[in-house]
Structure formats: C-alpha cells, structure tokens
Amino acid sequence: MIEYTLARSGDATVYRLLTTLLDPERAPAKELAALYAQRWEIAAALDETKTHQRGPKLLLRSKYPWGVEQEIYGFLLVHHAIRQLMHQAATDHGLDPDRMSFTRSLWIVRRQVPAQAAFSPRQTRPGAGPHPR
C-alpha cells in the first residue's frame, strides 16, 4: 500500500494505492502515485469525449469499420482542438489549464459554430462580391 497526498493542490487528503508490485527499485512509490494520477487524467479525457462531447444518445452513424474509425478520429480531433483552445486561453490569462472546465469550453464552442457556419468562404454565384472571378 502506498499513501500519498497531492502537494500541488494543497489538499490534505491522504490517498491510498494498493498494488501487487512489491519491488521498490522496479516500481518506486513516487512513480506509481504519479502514474495513478495520470490514469485518472486519461479517464477524465475519455469521459469528456464520450459523455460530454459526443453525448449519451449519439451513435456512430457509419455502417462500415473505416467510417466508424473516421468518426472516432473526428471526435478525437475536436477534443484536441477544444483542449488547445482552453490551453491558449489559460496561458493568455496566466491560469492553469487544468483548472478550466471542458464542458463549459465545449458549450462556448458549440454556441459559436452556428454563427461561423453561416458564412460561406466561397462565392455562391459567379461575379458576386468585391472580387469577381
């Protein structure tokens, strides 16, 4: 059993990690505690993608394996893009990106997408606009 606290957060909660790894040279307690915290970061990212970004009732639409793979890559790319926006916003304001809410950021992005989609980057009829073709 490994007992530790999260010094960075200032929380005095004592966490206990049970493991079958008994050799402290091959698996130092400090490394195991750090890896366990990383494991929860990964679980949180999966939850953000599956539960919040995709939504509980949205199914993958493709009937073919390559299409399902493409949809999954699409979800992962959107997740990465939102996380990148969060990181940039936090950095610009001197904040810790880990303290930002993914669901609130997702909501902000979703509010902005319809406004952006209303403008076509291409002309809809030849000769329209200030730069005719």
Protein backbone atom coordinates (compact mmCIF):
# COMPACT_ATOMS: atom_id res chain seq x y z
CA MET A 1 0.00 0.00 0.00
CA ILE A 2 1.25 3.46 -0.94
CA GLU A 3 -0.06 6.51 0.92
CA TYR A 4 0.35 9.97 -0.56
CA THR A 5 -1.15 13.46 -0.73
CA LEU A 6 -1.43 15.81 -3.68
CA ALA A 7 1.04 18.52 -2.68
CA ARG A 8 0.29 20.71 -5.73
CA SER A 9 -3.37 21.07 -4.89
CA GLY A 10 -2.84 21.93 -1.23
CA ASP A 11 -5.38 19.23 -0.36
CA ALA A 12 -4.50 17.33 2.83
CA THR A 13 -6.47 14.25 1.75
CA VAL A 14 -4.46 11.06 2.11
CA TYR A 15 -4.78 8.74 -0.87
CA ARG A 16 -4.02 5.04 -0.71
CA LEU A 17 -2.94 2.99 -3.69
CA LEU A 18 -2.95 -0.79 -3.41
CA THR A 19 -0.60 -2.63 -5.71
CA THR A 20 0.86 -6.07 -6.25
CA LEU A 21 4.17 -4.52 -7.33
CA LEU A 22 6.42 -5.17 -4.37
CA ASP A 23 9.92 -4.26 -5.61
CA PRO A 24 10.53 -0.57 -4.76
CA GLU A 25 13.51 -0.44 -7.14
CA ARG A 26 11.47 -1.53 -10.16
CA ALA A 27 8.36 0.42 -9.16
CA PRO A 28 9.14 3.35 -6.82
CA ALA A 29 6.17 4.53 -4.77
CA LYS A 30 6.51 8.12 -6.00
CA GLU A 31 6.34 6.98 -9.66
CA LEU A 32 3.35 4.72 -9.02
CA ALA A 33 1.46 7.57 -7.33
CA ALA A 34 2.22 9.89 -10.26
CA LEU A 35 1.17 7.26 -12.80
CA TYR A 36 -2.06 6.65 -10.92
CA ALA A 37 -2.87 10.37 -11.09
CA GLN A 38 -2.16 10.27 -14.85
CA ARG A 39 -4.51 7.31 -15.18
CA TRP A 40 -7.33 9.50 -13.85
CA GLU A 41 -6.40 12.27 -16.30
CA ILE A 42 -6.83 9.77 -19.13
CA ALA A 43 -10.14 8.54 -17.72
CA ALA A 44 -11.35 12.15 -17.48
CA ALA A 45 -10.42 12.79 -21.13
CA LEU A 46 -12.33 9.68 -22.22
CA ASP A 47 -15.34 10.87 -20.21
CA GLU A 48 -15.13 14.31 -21.82
CA THR A 49 -15.18 12.75 -25.27
CA LYS A 50 -17.78 10.03 -24.72
CA THR A 51 -20.21 11.68 -22.32
CA HIS A 52 -19.98 15.42 -22.86
CA GLN A 53 -18.70 15.95 -26.39
CA ARG A 54 -20.47 13.09 -28.14
CA GLY A 55 -23.47 12.98 -25.83
CA PRO A 56 -25.09 9.95 -24.21
CA LYS A 57 -27.54 9.17 -27.03
CA LEU A 58 -25.45 9.91 -30.11
CA LEU A 59 -24.48 6.79 -32.01
CA LEU A 60 -21.73 6.44 -34.56
CA ARG A 61 -23.51 6.57 -37.91
CA SER A 62 -21.25 4.64 -40.24
CA LYS A 63 -22.10 1.10 -41.25
CA TYR A 64 -18.50 0.30 -42.20
CA PRO A 65 -15.43 -0.11 -39.99
CA TRP A 66 -13.44 2.54 -41.89
CA GLY A 67 -16.31 5.01 -41.39
CA VAL A 68 -16.51 4.31 -37.66
CA GLU A 69 -12.76 4.83 -37.43
CA GLN A 70 -13.12 8.14 -39.28
CA GLU A 71 -15.87 9.30 -36.90
CA ILE A 72 -13.76 8.38 -33.87
CA TYR A 73 -10.81 10.33 -35.30
CA GLY A 74 -13.18 13.25 -35.84
CA PHE A 75 -14.25 13.19 -32.18
CA LEU A 76 -10.63 12.97 -31.04
CA LEU A 77 -9.59 15.88 -33.28
CA VAL A 78 -12.43 18.06 -31.96
CA HIS A 79 -11.47 17.14 -28.38
CA HIS A 80 -7.87 18.07 -29.09
CA ALA A 81 -8.91 21.37 -30.71
CA ILE A 82 -11.07 22.34 -27.72
CA ARG A 83 -8.30 21.42 -25.31
CA GLN A 84 -5.87 23.51 -27.37
CA LEU A 85 -8.24 26.50 -27.20
CA MET A 86 -8.53 26.02 -23.45
CA HIS A 87 -4.75 25.88 -23.08
CA GLN A 88 -4.27 29.03 -25.15
CA ALA A 89 -6.97 30.92 -23.22
CA ALA A 90 -5.47 29.87 -19.89
CA THR A 91 -1.94 30.73 -20.98
CA ASP A 92 -3.05 34.16 -22.24
CA HIS A 93 -4.50 34.93 -18.80
CA GLY A 94 -1.82 33.29 -16.63
CA LEU A 95 -4.11 30.49 -15.45
CA ASP A 96 -3.61 26.76 -15.00
CA PRO A 97 -5.31 24.97 -17.96
CA ASP A 98 -6.21 22.06 -15.67
CA ARG A 99 -8.48 24.39 -13.69
CA MET A 100 -10.67 25.14 -16.72
CA SER A 101 -13.93 23.33 -17.38
CA PHE A 102 -14.08 21.21 -20.52
CA THR A 103 -17.89 21.17 -20.53
CA ARG A 104 -18.10 24.97 -20.33
CA SER A 105 -15.50 25.33 -23.07
CA LEU A 106 -17.41 22.84 -25.22
CA TRP A 107 -20.61 24.83 -24.64
CA ILE A 108 -18.87 28.06 -25.73
CA VAL A 109 -17.52 26.41 -28.88
CA ARG A 110 -20.94 24.93 -29.71
CA ARG A 111 -22.52 28.38 -29.34
CA GLN A 112 -20.02 29.84 -31.81
CA VAL A 113 -20.14 27.15 -34.51
CA PRO A 114 -23.56 28.07 -35.96
CA ALA A 115 -22.51 31.70 -36.31
CA GLN A 116 -19.34 30.70 -38.15
CA ALA A 117 -21.16 28.20 -40.37
CA ALA A 118 -23.50 30.93 -41.61
CA PHE A 119 -20.72 32.49 -43.69
CA SER A 120 -19.53 30.71 -46.79
CA PRO A 121 -15.80 31.05 -47.51
CA ARG A 122 -16.56 30.78 -51.24
CA GLN A 123 -18.72 32.88 -53.50
CA THR A 124 -22.13 31.38 -54.16
CA ARG A 125 -22.57 32.87 -57.64
CA PRO A 126 -20.03 33.91 -60.23
CA GLY A 127 -19.19 37.61 -60.18
CA ALA A 128 -20.78 38.24 -56.77
CA GLY A 129 -18.87 40.24 -54.20
CA PRO A 130 -15.88 42.57 -54.47
CA HIS A 131 -13.59 40.04 -56.16
CA PRO A 132 -15.29 38.59 -59.25
CA ARG A 133 -13.68 35.53 -60.82
